[in-house]
Amino acid sequence: MKNKELMRTLKFVLFSASAGLIQIGADALMLEVFHFVPWVSYLIALILSVLWNFTLNRKFTFCSANNVPVAMLKVAAFYLVFTPLSTWWTAVLTGEGFLWNEYLVLAITMVTNFVTEYIYDRFVVFGSSIDTAKERKE
């Protein structure tokens, strides 16, 4: 059982890292090439990374056969809380009161997102449906 959870966690780390690369790449592309305003770039890039991460983790990490729209709504609920909070603390920490480096704040935000989303996905989104896709195949 420990090995199974360790592998599940490792898969989540790898897929989340790939989603982070998608987010950073999409954000840079929209800012530098298309000249979108920063909050629009951030939001679009975040949505792209969330869709990528959800799809891969549902299929390969949690092997879930649960209802996709219901699971997506649960993930959307997470981001309805996380997105405004992370936008707020980014503005505060990089603003005149603190003057933290934007990339440091982004790194802290991405780690916070990773940890909280893993816990939320593991126990709320996919909790009772983990490994059900494998069971249906057998």
Protein backbone atom coordinates (compact mmCIF):
# COMPACT_ATOMS: atom_id res chain seq x y z
CA MET A 1 0.00 0.00 0.00
CA LYS A 2 2.85 2.41 0.80
CA ASN A 3 4.46 1.80 -2.60
CA LYS A 4 1.16 2.47 -4.34
CA GLU A 5 0.74 5.83 -2.58
CA LEU A 6 4.38 6.71 -3.22
CA MET A 7 3.91 6.01 -6.94
CA ARG A 8 0.67 8.00 -6.93
CA THR A 9 2.48 10.95 -5.32
CA LEU A 10 5.39 10.68 -7.76
CA LYS A 11 3.00 10.70 -10.74
CA PHE A 12 1.23 13.74 -9.30
CA VAL A 13 4.58 15.53 -8.90
CA LEU A 14 5.60 14.81 -12.49
CA PHE A 15 2.25 15.77 -14.01
CA SER A 16 2.11 18.91 -11.87
CA ALA A 17 5.61 19.85 -13.01
CA SER A 18 4.54 19.46 -16.63
CA ALA A 19 1.44 21.58 -15.92
CA GLY A 20 3.70 24.21 -14.34
CA LEU A 21 5.81 24.29 -17.50
CA ILE A 22 2.66 24.68 -19.59
CA GLN A 23 1.52 27.53 -17.35
CA ILE A 24 4.86 29.34 -17.50
CA GLY A 25 5.20 28.80 -21.26
CA ALA A 26 1.64 29.86 -22.07
CA ASP A 27 1.94 32.91 -19.84
CA ALA A 28 5.21 33.98 -21.46
CA LEU A 29 3.82 33.40 -24.95
CA MET A 30 0.73 35.50 -24.29
CA LEU A 31 2.70 38.26 -22.61
CA GLU A 32 5.68 38.47 -24.96
CA VAL A 33 4.18 37.51 -28.33
CA PHE A 34 0.52 38.47 -28.10
CA HIS A 35 0.96 41.29 -25.56
CA PHE A 36 -2.03 40.31 -23.41
CA VAL A 37 -2.45 42.18 -20.15
CA PRO A 38 -0.83 40.23 -17.29
CA TRP A 39 -4.00 39.13 -15.47
CA VAL A 40 -5.53 37.78 -18.71
CA SER A 41 -2.31 35.89 -19.53
CA TYR A 42 -2.17 34.48 -16.00
CA LEU A 43 -5.79 33.37 -16.06
CA ILE A 44 -5.62 31.69 -19.49
CA ALA A 45 -2.31 30.00 -18.64
CA LEU A 46 -3.71 28.79 -15.31
CA ILE A 47 -6.80 27.33 -17.00
CA LEU A 48 -4.66 25.51 -19.57
CA SER A 49 -2.42 24.04 -16.88
CA VAL A 50 -5.39 22.99 -14.72
CA LEU A 51 -7.06 21.19 -17.65
CA TRP A 52 -3.81 19.41 -18.49
CA ASN A 53 -3.15 18.45 -14.87
CA PHE A 54 -6.73 17.30 -14.25
CA THR A 55 -6.82 15.12 -17.37
CA LEU A 56 -3.53 13.36 -16.69
CA ASN A 57 -4.05 12.94 -12.95
CA ARG A 58 -7.59 11.62 -13.35
CA LYS A 59 -6.48 8.98 -15.83
CA PHE A 60 -3.00 7.99 -14.67
CA THR A 61 -2.50 9.11 -11.05
CA PHE A 62 -5.88 8.43 -9.48
CA CYS A 63 -7.17 6.01 -12.19
CA SER A 64 -10.66 7.32 -11.58
CA ALA A 65 -13.80 6.27 -13.43
CA ASN A 66 -15.92 8.91 -11.68
CA ASN A 67 -18.21 11.37 -13.43
CA VAL A 68 -15.94 13.82 -15.32
CA PRO A 69 -18.25 16.88 -15.10
CA VAL A 70 -18.72 16.38 -11.35
CA ALA A 71 -14.98 15.99 -10.82
CA MET A 72 -14.30 19.08 -12.94
CA LEU A 73 -16.82 21.08 -10.89
CA LYS A 74 -15.00 20.05 -7.72
CA VAL A 75 -11.69 21.19 -9.23
CA ALA A 76 -13.34 24.44 -10.35
CA ALA A 77 -14.53 24.96 -6.75
CA PHE A 78 -10.92 24.62 -5.56
CA TYR A 79 -9.79 27.23 -8.07
CA LEU A 80 -12.69 29.56 -7.23
CA VAL A 81 -10.98 29.89 -3.86
CA PHE A 82 -7.32 29.50 -4.82
CA THR A 83 -7.23 31.89 -7.80
CA PRO A 84 -8.50 35.03 -6.03
CA LEU A 85 -6.37 34.27 -2.95
CA SER A 86 -3.20 33.70 -4.97
CA THR A 87 -3.85 36.80 -7.06
CA TRP A 88 -4.33 38.82 -3.87
CA TRP A 89 -1.20 37.59 -2.09
CA THR A 90 0.82 38.06 -5.28
CA ALA A 91 -0.30 41.70 -5.44
CA VAL A 92 0.43 42.24 -1.74
CA LEU A 93 3.82 40.49 -1.60
CA THR A 94 5.12 42.08 -4.81
CA GLY A 95 3.65 45.49 -4.02
CA GLU A 96 5.27 48.44 -2.29
CA GLY A 97 4.75 47.09 1.21
CA PHE A 98 6.93 43.99 0.71
CA LEU A 99 8.63 44.25 -2.71
CA TRP A 100 9.23 40.49 -2.96
CA ASN A 101 10.58 39.21 -6.25
CA GLU A 102 7.75 38.21 -8.63
CA TYR A 103 9.38 34.88 -9.49
CA LEU A 104 9.89 34.00 -5.83
CA VAL A 105 6.19 34.69 -5.18
CA LEU A 106 5.25 32.62 -8.24
CA ALA A 107 7.40 29.73 -7.00
CA ILE A 108 5.84 29.88 -3.52
CA THR A 109 2.38 30.07 -5.09
CA MET A 110 3.03 27.07 -7.32
CA VAL A 111 4.32 24.98 -4.39
CA THR A 112 1.28 26.01 -2.31
CA ASN A 113 -0.98 25.08 -5.23
CA PHE A 114 0.75 21.73 -5.65
CA VAL A 115 0.45 20.69 -2.01
CA THR A 116 -3.12 21.89 -1.43
CA GLU A 117 -4.38 20.54 -4.76
CA TYR A 118 -2.87 17.10 -4.12
CA ILE A 119 -4.63 16.86 -0.77
CA TYR A 120 -7.90 18.17 -2.26
CA ASP A 121 -7.75 15.86 -5.30
CA ARG A 122 -6.74 12.82 -3.25
CA PHE A 123 -9.49 13.15 -0.65
CA VAL A 124 -12.26 15.27 -2.20
CA VAL A 125 -12.23 15.02 -5.99
CA PHE A 126 -11.12 11.40 -6.44
CA GLY A 127 -11.24 10.02 -2.87
CA SER A 128 -13.87 7.31 -3.24
CA SER A 129 -13.17 6.63 -6.92
CA ILE A 130 -9.42 6.01 -6.80
CA ASP A 131 -8.41 3.00 -8.93
CA THR A 132 -11.98 2.44 -10.16
CA ALA A 133 -10.90 2.76 -13.80
CA LYS A 134 -8.50 -0.14 -13.32
CA GLU A 135 -11.21 -2.21 -11.66
CA ARG A 136 -13.55 -1.72 -14.62
CA LYS A 137 -10.89 -2.92 -17.07
CA GLU A 138 -10.22 -6.14 -15.15
